[in-house]
Structure formats: C-alpha cells, structure tokens
Amino acid sequence: MFTVRWTRSATNELTDLWTRADSALRQAITAAAHRIDQELRADPENKGESRGDNERVWFAFPLGIRFEVDRRRSVARILHVWNYGRRR
C-alpha cells in the first residue's frame, strides 16, 4: 500500500480546474481525483506510462496527471494535473 501525496502546485491546479468547471465537470473531476487516489494507493507502478526516472503519466478522465513513485518510501507523489477532453 502506498501513500498518495499531491504537491502544492498539483493541488492548486486541481482547485483551479474544479473552480472553473460547470456542475457536471465538477462531478467528473471529483470522481477522477478519488479514482486517482484509490488506484495509486494500490499500485502506482502499474498505472499510466513511464516518462523516465520514477515519473509516470496517467489519464483518468477528465484528468491527466504526472506523478512519481518512491518505492523505498511507498509514496506516489502527484506533480502536475490537467484537464483533457475525450475525442468524439
């Protein structure tokens, strides 16, 4: 089991995305953030794609995240979060 930590900048990005969203998108953002926390807590090393060193990128609609995994400390640290739309 890993501890999930959001950096201050990632938390600020998430807050900004949520504040600017309409009601439906806010619900989707909230659900995605919860999913991110749950799934990274369970198995961060197998989420998303490797981006070198210990960094990974993962998409949990409507959010994309860049995070790093510290296996020694059992920590997944979210570094950056952004909003993306699904292609139609």
PDB file of N, CA and C in Angstrom:
ATOM      1  N   MET A   1       0.847  -1.182   0.000  1.00  0.00           N
ATOM      2  CA  MET A   1       0.000   0.000   0.000  1.00  0.00           C
ATOM      3  C   MET A   1       0.889   1.241   0.000  1.00  0.00           C
ATOM      4  N   PHE A   2       0.564   2.181  -0.859  1.00  0.00           N
ATOM      5  CA  PHE A   2       1.321   3.422  -0.997  1.00  0.00           C
ATOM      6  C   PHE A   2       0.540   4.592  -0.398  1.00  0.00           C
ATOM      7  N   THR A   3       1.266   5.598   0.016  1.00  0.00           N
ATOM      8  CA  THR A   3       0.663   6.865   0.413  1.00  0.00           C
ATOM      9  C   THR A   3       0.653   7.759  -0.817  1.00  0.00           C
ATOM     10  N   VAL A   4      -0.467   8.435  -1.055  1.00  0.00           N
ATOM     11  CA  VAL A   4      -0.578   9.349  -2.188  1.00  0.00           C
ATOM     12  C   VAL A   4      -0.477  10.774  -1.655  1.00  0.00           C
ATOM     13  N   ARG A   5       0.432  11.525  -2.232  1.00  0.00           N
ATOM     14  CA  ARG A   5       0.612  12.927  -1.844  1.00  0.00           C
ATOM     15  C   ARG A   5       0.486  13.807  -3.078  1.00  0.00           C
ATOM     16  N   TRP A   6      -0.276  14.863  -2.944  1.00  0.00           N
ATOM     17  CA  TRP A   6      -0.404  15.861  -4.006  1.00  0.00           C
ATOM     18  C   TRP A   6       0.514  17.018  -3.651  1.00  0.00           C
ATOM     19  N   THR A   7       1.395  17.416  -4.561  1.00  0.00           N
ATOM     20  CA  THR A   7       2.217  18.591  -4.304  1.00  0.00           C
ATOM     21  C   THR A   7       1.299  19.810  -4.219  1.00  0.00           C
ATOM     22  N   ARG A   8       1.799  20.861  -3.628  1.00  0.00           N
ATOM     23  CA  ARG A   8       1.008  22.086  -3.509  1.00  0.00           C
ATOM     24  C   ARG A   8       0.593  22.598  -4.893  1.00  0.00           C
ATOM     25  N   SER A   9       1.531  22.555  -5.837  1.00  0.00           N
ATOM     26  CA  SER A   9       1.198  23.050  -7.180  1.00  0.00           C
ATOM     27  C   SER A   9       0.120  22.187  -7.837  1.00  0.00           C
ATOM     28  N   ALA A  10       0.177  20.864  -7.673  1.00  0.00           N
ATOM     29  CA  ALA A  10      -0.852  19.989  -8.244  1.00  0.00           C
ATOM     30  C   ALA A  10      -2.201  20.232  -7.563  1.00  0.00           C
ATOM     31  N   THR A  11      -2.196  20.445  -6.268  1.00  0.00           N
ATOM     32  CA  THR A  11      -3.433  20.756  -5.550  1.00  0.00           C
ATOM     33  C   THR A  11      -4.018  22.069  -6.043  1.00  0.00           C
ATOM     34  N   ASN A  12      -3.170  23.058  -6.255  1.00  0.00           N
ATOM     35  CA  ASN A  12      -3.638  24.347  -6.779  1.00  0.00           C
ATOM     36  C   ASN A  12      -4.206  24.194  -8.189  1.00  0.00           C
ATOM     37  N   GLU A  13      -3.556  23.375  -9.019  1.00  0.00           N
ATOM     38  CA  GLU A  13      -4.056  23.134 -10.372  1.00  0.00           C
ATOM     39  C   GLU A  13      -5.424  22.461 -10.333  1.00  0.00           C
ATOM     40  N   LEU A  14      -5.567  21.458  -9.465  1.00  0.00           N
ATOM     41  CA  LEU A  14      -6.839  20.757  -9.337  1.00  0.00           C
ATOM     42  C   LEU A  14      -7.937  21.707  -8.861  1.00  0.00           C
ATOM     43  N   THR A  15      -7.618  22.531  -7.893  1.00  0.00           N
ATOM     44  CA  THR A  15      -8.586  23.508  -7.381  1.00  0.00           C
ATOM     45  C   THR A  15      -9.020  24.470  -8.474  1.00  0.00           C
ATOM     46  N   ASP A  16      -8.072  24.937  -9.260  1.00  0.00           N
ATOM     47  CA  ASP A  16      -8.384  25.866 -10.347  1.00  0.00           C
ATOM     48  C   ASP A  16      -9.275  25.199 -11.396  1.00  0.00           C
ATOM     49  N   LEU A  17      -8.967  23.964 -11.764  1.00  0.00           N
ATOM     50  CA  LEU A  17      -9.791  23.239 -12.736  1.00  0.00           C
ATOM     51  C   LEU A  17     -11.219  23.080 -12.221  1.00  0.00           C
ATOM     52  N   TRP A  18     -11.351  22.705 -10.962  1.00  0.00           N
ATOM     53  CA  TRP A  18     -12.661  22.466 -10.374  1.00  0.00           C
ATOM     54  C   TRP A  18     -13.461  23.766 -10.275  1.00  0.00           C
ATOM     55  N   THR A  19     -12.799  24.846  -9.893  1.00  0.00           N
ATOM     56  CA  THR A  19     -13.474  26.134  -9.733  1.00  0.00           C
ATOM     57  C   THR A  19     -14.012  26.656 -11.063  1.00  0.00           C
ATOM     58  N   ARG A  20     -13.275  26.443 -12.143  1.00  0.00           N
ATOM     59  CA  ARG A  20     -13.677  26.944 -13.455  1.00  0.00           C
ATOM     60  C   ARG A  20     -14.695  26.036 -14.168  1.00  0.00           C
ATOM     61  N   ALA A  21     -14.934  24.845 -13.628  1.00  0.00           N
ATOM     62  CA  ALA A  21     -15.796  23.868 -14.296  1.00  0.00           C
ATOM     63  C   ALA A  21     -17.279  24.107 -13.995  1.00  0.00           C
ATOM     64  N   ASP A  22     -18.122  23.608 -14.905  1.00  0.00           N
ATOM     65  CA  ASP A  22     -19.562  23.611 -14.619  1.00  0.00           C
ATOM     66  C   ASP A  22     -19.879  22.430 -13.695  1.00  0.00           C
ATOM     67  N   SER A  23     -21.126  22.305 -13.310  1.00  0.00           N
ATOM     68  CA  SER A  23     -21.523  21.300 -12.325  1.00  0.00           C
ATOM     69  C   SER A  23     -21.192  19.871 -12.765  1.00  0.00           C
ATOM     70  N   ALA A  24     -21.489  19.534 -14.008  1.00  0.00           N
ATOM     71  CA  ALA A  24     -21.221  18.177 -14.495  1.00  0.00           C
ATOM     72  C   ALA A  24     -19.729  17.874 -14.512  1.00  0.00           C
ATOM     73  N   LEU A  25     -18.931  18.833 -14.964  1.00  0.00           N
ATOM     74  CA  LEU A  25     -17.484  18.618 -14.996  1.00  0.00           C
ATOM     75  C   LEU A  25     -16.913  18.557 -13.588  1.00  0.00           C
ATOM     76  N   ARG A  26     -17.465  19.332 -12.673  1.00  0.00           N
ATOM     77  CA  ARG A  26     -17.010  19.248 -11.272  1.00  0.00           C
ATOM     78  C   ARG A  26     -17.219  17.843 -10.714  1.00  0.00           C
ATOM     79  N   GLN A  27     -18.360  17.264 -11.012  1.00  0.00           N
ATOM     80  CA  GLN A  27     -18.617  15.898 -10.539  1.00  0.00           C
ATOM     81  C   GLN A  27     -17.618  14.922 -11.136  1.00  0.00           C
ATOM     82  N   ALA A  28     -17.319  15.082 -12.421  1.00  0.00           N
ATOM     83  CA  ALA A  28     -16.358  14.197 -13.089  1.00  0.00           C
ATOM     84  C   ALA A  28     -14.952  14.380 -12.521  1.00  0.00           C
ATOM     85  N   ILE A  29     -14.569  15.620 -12.243  1.00  0.00           N
ATOM     86  CA  ILE A  29     -13.250  15.900 -11.666  1.00  0.00           C
ATOM     87  C   ILE A  29     -13.143  15.283 -10.274  1.00  0.00           C
ATOM     88  N   THR A  30     -14.182  15.447  -9.478  1.00  0.00           N
ATOM     89  CA  THR A  30     -14.187  14.884  -8.126  1.00  0.00           C
ATOM     90  C   THR A  30     -14.061  13.361  -8.173  1.00  0.00           C
ATOM     91  N   ALA A  31     -14.827  12.726  -9.063  1.00  0.00           N
ATOM     92  CA  ALA A  31     -14.761  11.266  -9.198  1.00  0.00           C
ATOM     93  C   ALA A  31     -13.386  10.815  -9.685  1.00  0.00           C
ATOM     94  N   ALA A  32     -12.810  11.541 -10.640  1.00  0.00           N
ATOM     95  CA  ALA A  32     -11.484  11.181 -11.161  1.00  0.00           C
ATOM     96  C   ALA A  32     -10.407  11.330 -10.085  1.00  0.00           C
ATOM     97  N   ALA A  33     -10.463  12.406  -9.309  1.00  0.00           N
ATOM     98  CA  ALA A  33      -9.477  12.614  -8.240  1.00  0.00           C
ATOM     99  C   ALA A  33      -9.571  11.482  -7.213  1.00  0.00           C
ATOM    100  N   HIS A  34     -10.786  11.055  -6.899  1.00  0.00           N
ATOM    101  CA  HIS A  34     -10.967   9.941  -5.961  1.00  0.00           C
ATOM    102  C   HIS A  34     -10.390   8.651  -6.558  1.00  0.00           C
ATOM    103  N   ARG A  35     -10.679   8.410  -7.828  1.00  0.00           N
ATOM    104  CA  ARG A  35     -10.137   7.221  -8.501  1.00  0.00           C
ATOM    105  C   ARG A  35      -8.620   7.233  -8.508  1.00  0.00           C
ATOM    106  N   ILE A  36      -8.042   8.399  -8.814  1.00  0.00           N
ATOM    107  CA  ILE A  36      -6.581   8.541  -8.823  1.00  0.00           C
ATOM    108  C   ILE A  36      -6.007   8.171  -7.458  1.00  0.00           C
ATOM    109  N   ASP A  37      -6.582   8.739  -6.404  1.00  0.00           N
ATOM    110  CA  ASP A  37      -6.098   8.428  -5.047  1.00  0.00           C
ATOM    111  C   ASP A  37      -6.183   6.933  -4.754  1.00  0.00           C
ATOM    112  N   GLN A  38      -7.323   6.329  -5.062  1.00  0.00           N
ATOM    113  CA  GLN A  38      -7.523   4.908  -4.760  1.00  0.00           C
ATOM    114  C   GLN A  38      -6.578   4.009  -5.549  1.00  0.00           C
ATOM    115  N   GLU A  39      -6.467   4.262  -6.837  1.00  0.00           N
ATOM    116  CA  GLU A  39      -5.657   3.372  -7.669  1.00  0.00           C
ATOM    117  C   GLU A  39      -4.160   3.564  -7.464  1.00  0.00           C
ATOM    118  N   LEU A  40      -3.730   4.794  -7.202  1.00  0.00           N
ATOM    119  CA  LEU A  40      -2.303   4.991  -6.916  1.00  0.00           C
ATOM    120  C   LEU A  40      -1.943   4.419  -5.550  1.00  0.00           C
ATOM    121  N   ARG A  41      -2.861   4.463  -4.631  1.00  0.00           N
ATOM    122  CA  ARG A  41      -2.620   3.873  -3.308  1.00  0.00           C
ATOM    123  C   ARG A  41      -2.362   2.374  -3.446  1.00  0.00           C
ATOM    124  N   ALA A  42      -3.081   1.737  -4.358  1.00  0.00           N
ATOM    125  CA  ALA A  42      -2.983   0.288  -4.509  1.00  0.00           C
ATOM    126  C   ALA A  42      -1.780  -0.161  -5.335  1.00  0.00           C
ATOM    127  N   ASP A  43      -1.508   0.530  -6.462  1.00  0.00           N
ATOM    128  CA  ASP A  43      -0.470   0.018  -7.377  1.00  0.00           C
ATOM    129  C   ASP A  43       0.022   1.094  -8.345  1.00  0.00           C
ATOM    130  N   PRO A  44       0.752   2.091  -7.868  1.00  0.00           N
ATOM    131  CA  PRO A  44       1.156   3.201  -8.726  1.00  0.00           C
ATOM    132  C   PRO A  44       2.157   2.822  -9.818  1.00  0.00           C
ATOM    133  N   GLU A  45       2.923   1.791  -9.597  1.00  0.00           N
ATOM    134  CA  GLU A  45       3.962   1.431 -10.564  1.00  0.00           C
ATOM    135  C   GLU A  45       3.391   0.806 -11.841  1.00  0.00           C
ATOM    136  N   ASN A  46       2.135   0.449 -11.810  1.00  0.00           N
ATOM    137  CA  ASN A  46       1.496  -0.133 -12.987  1.00  0.00           C
ATOM    138  C   ASN A  46       0.385   0.736 -13.544  1.00  0.00           C
ATOM    139  N   LYS A  47       0.392   2.006 -13.198  1.00  0.00           N
ATOM    140  CA  LYS A  47      -0.579   2.964 -13.728  1.00  0.00           C
ATOM    141  C   LYS A  47       0.115   3.863 -14.737  1.00  0.00           C
ATOM    142  N   GLY A  48      -0.537   4.081 -15.851  1.00  0.00           N
ATOM    143  CA  GLY A  48      -0.023   5.008 -16.846  1.00  0.00           C
ATOM    144  C   GLY A  48       1.199   4.503 -17.573  1.00  0.00           C
ATOM    145  N   GLU A  49       1.975   5.478 -18.047  1.00  0.00           N
ATOM    146  CA  GLU A  49       3.167   5.188 -18.842  1.00  0.00           C
ATOM    147  C   GLU A  49       4.389   5.821 -18.201  1.00  0.00           C
ATOM    148  N   SER A  50       5.506   5.147 -18.288  1.00  0.00           N
ATOM    149  CA  SER A  50       6.760   5.652 -17.753  1.00  0.00           C
ATOM    150  C   SER A  50       7.244   6.848 -18.564  1.00  0.00           C
ATOM    151  N   ARG A  51       7.805   7.818 -17.870  1.00  0.00           N
ATOM    152  CA  ARG A  51       8.363   9.006 -18.516  1.00  0.00           C
ATOM    153  C   ARG A  51       9.804   9.243 -18.073  1.00  0.00           C
ATOM    154  N   GLY A  52      10.482   8.194 -17.684  1.00  0.00           N
ATOM    155  CA  GLY A  52      11.877   8.311 -17.264  1.00  0.00           C
ATOM    156  C   GLY A  52      11.980   8.480 -15.764  1.00  0.00           C
ATOM    157  N   ASP A  53      13.149   8.156 -15.259  1.00  0.00           N
ATOM    158  CA  ASP A  53      13.375   8.154 -13.810  1.00  0.00           C
ATOM    159  C   ASP A  53      12.212   7.430 -13.142  1.00  0.00           C
ATOM    160  N   ASN A  54      11.589   8.064 -12.179  1.00  0.00           N
ATOM    161  CA  ASN A  54      10.461   7.450 -11.483  1.00  0.00           C
ATOM    162  C   ASN A  54       9.137   8.110 -11.846  1.00  0.00           C
ATOM    163  N   GLU A  55       9.142   8.917 -12.904  1.00  0.00           N
ATOM    164  CA  GLU A  55       7.929   9.646 -13.275  1.00  0.00           C
ATOM    165  C   GLU A  55       7.064   8.850 -14.242  1.00  0.00           C
ATOM    166  N   ARG A  56       5.754   9.072 -14.105  1.00  0.00           N
ATOM    167  CA  ARG A  56       4.774   8.413 -14.950  1.00  0.00           C
ATOM    168  C   ARG A  56       3.688   9.410 -15.323  1.00  0.00           C
ATOM    169  N   VAL A  57       2.971   9.126 -16.407  1.00  0.00           N
ATOM    170  CA  VAL A  57       1.818   9.922 -16.832  1.00  0.00           C
ATOM    171  C   VAL A  57       0.624   8.984 -16.896  1.00  0.00           C
ATOM    172  N   TRP A  58      -0.530   9.462 -16.414  1.00  0.00           N
ATOM    173  CA  TRP A  58      -1.734   8.631 -16.401  1.00  0.00           C
ATOM    174  C   TRP A  58      -2.951   9.506 -16.652  1.00  0.00           C
ATOM    175  N   PHE A  59      -3.923   8.956 -17.345  1.00  0.00           N
ATOM    176  CA  PHE A  59      -5.154   9.672 -17.648  1.00  0.00           C
ATOM    177  C   PHE A  59      -6.331   8.965 -16.997  1.00  0.00           C
ATOM    178  N   ALA A  60      -7.055   9.719 -16.177  1.00  0.00           N
ATOM    179  CA  ALA A  60      -8.289   9.240 -15.537  1.00  0.00           C
ATOM    180  C   ALA A  60      -9.334  10.300 -15.864  1.00  0.00           C
ATOM    181  N   PHE A  61     -10.056  10.098 -16.959  1.00  0.00           N
ATOM    182  CA  PHE A  61     -10.949  11.125 -17.487  1.00  0.00           C
ATOM    183  C   PHE A  61     -11.757  11.803 -16.383  1.00  0.00           C
ATOM    184  N   PRO A  62     -11.760  13.134 -16.385  1.00  0.00           N
ATOM    185  CA  PRO A  62     -11.236  14.094 -17.347  1.00  0.00           C
ATOM    186  C   PRO A  62      -9.873  14.671 -16.952  1.00  0.00           C
ATOM    187  N   LEU A  63      -9.143  13.959 -16.099  1.00  0.00           N
ATOM    188  CA  LEU A  63      -7.856  14.476 -15.618  1.00  0.00           C
ATOM    189  C   LEU A  63      -6.686  13.681 -16.176  1.00  0.00           C
ATOM    190  N   GLY A  64      -5.612  14.391 -16.442  1.00  0.00           N
ATOM    191  CA  GLY A  64      -4.325  13.777 -16.725  1.00  0.00           C
ATOM    192  C   GLY A  64      -3.409  14.159 -15.575  1.00  0.00           C
ATOM    193  N   ILE A  65      -2.524  13.251 -15.184  1.00  0.00           N
ATOM    194  CA  ILE A  65      -1.580  13.566 -14.102  1.00  0.00           C
ATOM    195  C   ILE A  65      -0.178  13.115 -14.480  1.00  0.00           C
ATOM    196  N   ARG A  66       0.788  13.829 -13.949  1.00  0.00           N
ATOM    197  CA  ARG A  66       2.184  13.402 -13.980  1.00  0.00           C
ATOM    198  C   ARG A  66       2.544  13.149 -12.526  1.00  0.00           C
ATOM    199  N   PHE A  67       3.092  11.976 -12.249  1.00  0.00           N
ATOM    200  CA  PHE A  67       3.406  11.631 -10.868  1.00  0.00           C
ATOM    201  C   PHE A  67       4.714  10.863 -10.802  1.00  0.00           C
ATOM    202  N   GLU A  68       5.252  10.771  -9.605  1.00  0.00           N
ATOM    203  CA  GLU A  68       6.468   9.995  -9.397  1.00  0.00           C
ATOM    204  C   GLU A  68       6.219   8.980  -8.300  1.00  0.00           C
ATOM    205  N   VAL A  69       6.936   7.882  -8.397  1.00  0.00           N
ATOM    206  CA  VAL A  69       6.797   6.806  -7.432  1.00  0.00           C
ATOM    207  C   VAL A  69       8.109   6.643  -6.684  1.00  0.00           C
ATOM    208  N   ASP A  70       8.021   6.697  -5.368  1.00  0.00           N
ATOM    209  CA  ASP A  70       9.171   6.433  -4.499  1.00  0.00           C
ATOM    210  C   ASP A  70       8.909   5.093  -3.821  1.00  0.00           C
ATOM    211  N   ARG A  71       9.418   4.037  -4.441  1.00  0.00           N
ATOM    212  CA  ARG A  71       9.177   2.681  -3.935  1.00  0.00           C
ATOM    213  C   ARG A  71       9.742   2.499  -2.525  1.00  0.00           C
ATOM    214  N   ARG A  72      10.901   3.071  -2.274  1.00  0.00           N
ATOM    215  CA  ARG A  72      11.551   2.913  -0.970  1.00  0.00           C
ATOM    216  C   ARG A  72      10.688   3.455   0.165  1.00  0.00           C
ATOM    217  N   ARG A  73      10.031   4.575  -0.082  1.00  0.00           N
ATOM    218  CA  ARG A  73       9.176   5.199   0.941  1.00  0.00           C
ATOM    219  C   ARG A  73       7.698   4.851   0.780  1.00  0.00           C
ATOM    220  N   SER A  74       7.376   4.093  -0.250  1.00  0.00           N
ATOM    221  CA  SER A  74       5.982   3.731  -0.560  1.00  0.00           C
ATOM    222  C   SER A  74       5.103   4.971  -0.710  1.00  0.00           C
ATOM    223  N   VAL A  75       5.587   5.901  -1.560  1.00  0.00           N
ATOM    224  CA  VAL A  75       4.866   7.151  -1.795  1.00  0.00           C
ATOM    225  C   VAL A  75       4.682   7.355  -3.294  1.00  0.00           C
ATOM    226  N   ALA A  76       3.463   7.739  -3.664  1.00  0.00           N
ATOM    227  CA  ALA A  76       3.176   8.207  -5.026  1.00  0.00           C
ATOM    228  C   ALA A  76       2.883   9.693  -4.892  1.00  0.00           C
ATOM    229  N   ARG A  77       3.668  10.523  -5.558  1.00  0.00           N
ATOM    230  CA  ARG A  77       3.546  11.984  -5.438  1.00  0.00           C
ATOM    231  C   ARG A  77       3.049  12.562  -6.753  1.00  0.00           C
ATOM    232  N   ILE A  78       1.897  13.211  -6.701  1.00  0.00           N
ATOM    233  CA  ILE A  78       1.321  13.824  -7.890  1.00  0.00           C
ATOM    234  C   ILE A  78       1.955  15.197  -8.076  1.00  0.00           C
ATOM    235  N   LEU A  79       2.560  15.385  -9.249  1.00  0.00           N
ATOM    236  CA  LEU A  79       3.335  16.592  -9.529  1.00  0.00           C
ATOM    237  C   LEU A  79       2.567  17.627 -10.341  1.00  0.00           C
ATOM    238  N   HIS A  80       1.714  17.151 -11.239  1.00  0.00           N
ATOM    239  CA  HIS A  80       1.032  18.057 -12.164  1.00  0.00           C
ATOM    240  C   HIS A  80      -0.295  17.424 -12.560  1.00  0.00           C
ATOM    241  N   VAL A  81      -1.346  18.239 -12.668  1.00  0.00           N
ATOM    242  CA  VAL A  81      -2.662  17.749 -13.085  1.00  0.00           C
ATOM    243  C   VAL A  81      -3.249  18.708 -14.110  1.00  0.00           C
ATOM    244  N   TRP A  82      -3.940  18.154 -15.116  1.00  0.00           N
ATOM    245  CA  TRP A  82      -4.562  18.991 -16.131  1.00  0.00           C
ATOM    246  C   TRP A  82      -5.857  18.328 -16.581  1.00  0.00           C
ATOM    247  N   ASN A  83      -6.665  19.109 -17.257  1.00  0.00           N
ATOM    248  CA  ASN A  83      -7.947  18.659 -17.783  1.00  0.00           C
ATOM    249  C   ASN A  83      -7.773  18.332 -19.256  1.00  0.00           C
ATOM    250  N   TYR A  84      -8.401  17.270 -19.720  1.00  0.00           N
ATOM    251  CA  TYR A  84      -8.397  16.972 -21.149  1.00  0.00           C
ATOM    252  C   TYR A  84      -9.799  16.503 -21.534  1.00  0.00           C
ATOM    253  N   GLY A  85     -10.122  16.638 -22.797  1.00  0.00           N
ATOM    254  CA  GLY A  85     -11.430  16.202 -23.290  1.00  0.00           C
ATOM    255  C   GLY A  85     -11.297  14.938 -24.113  1.00  0.00           C
ATOM    256  N   ARG A  86     -12.339  14.161 -24.099  1.00  0.00           N
ATOM    257  CA  ARG A  86     -12.370  12.965 -24.934  1.00  0.00           C
ATOM    258  C   ARG A  86     -12.609  13.361 -26.380  1.00  0.00           C
ATOM    259  N   ARG A  87     -12.000  12.621 -27.282  1.00  0.00           N
ATOM    260  CA  ARG A  87     -12.240  12.865 -28.707  1.00  0.00           C
ATOM    261  C   ARG A  87     -13.582  12.261 -29.079  1.00  0.00           C
ATOM    262  N   ARG A  88     -14.247  12.923 -29.967  1.00  0.00           N
ATOM    263  CA  ARG A  88     -15.575  12.437 -30.404  1.00  0.00           C
ATOM    264  C   ARG A  88     -15.470  11.641 -31.663  1.00  0.00           C
TER     265      ARG A  88
END
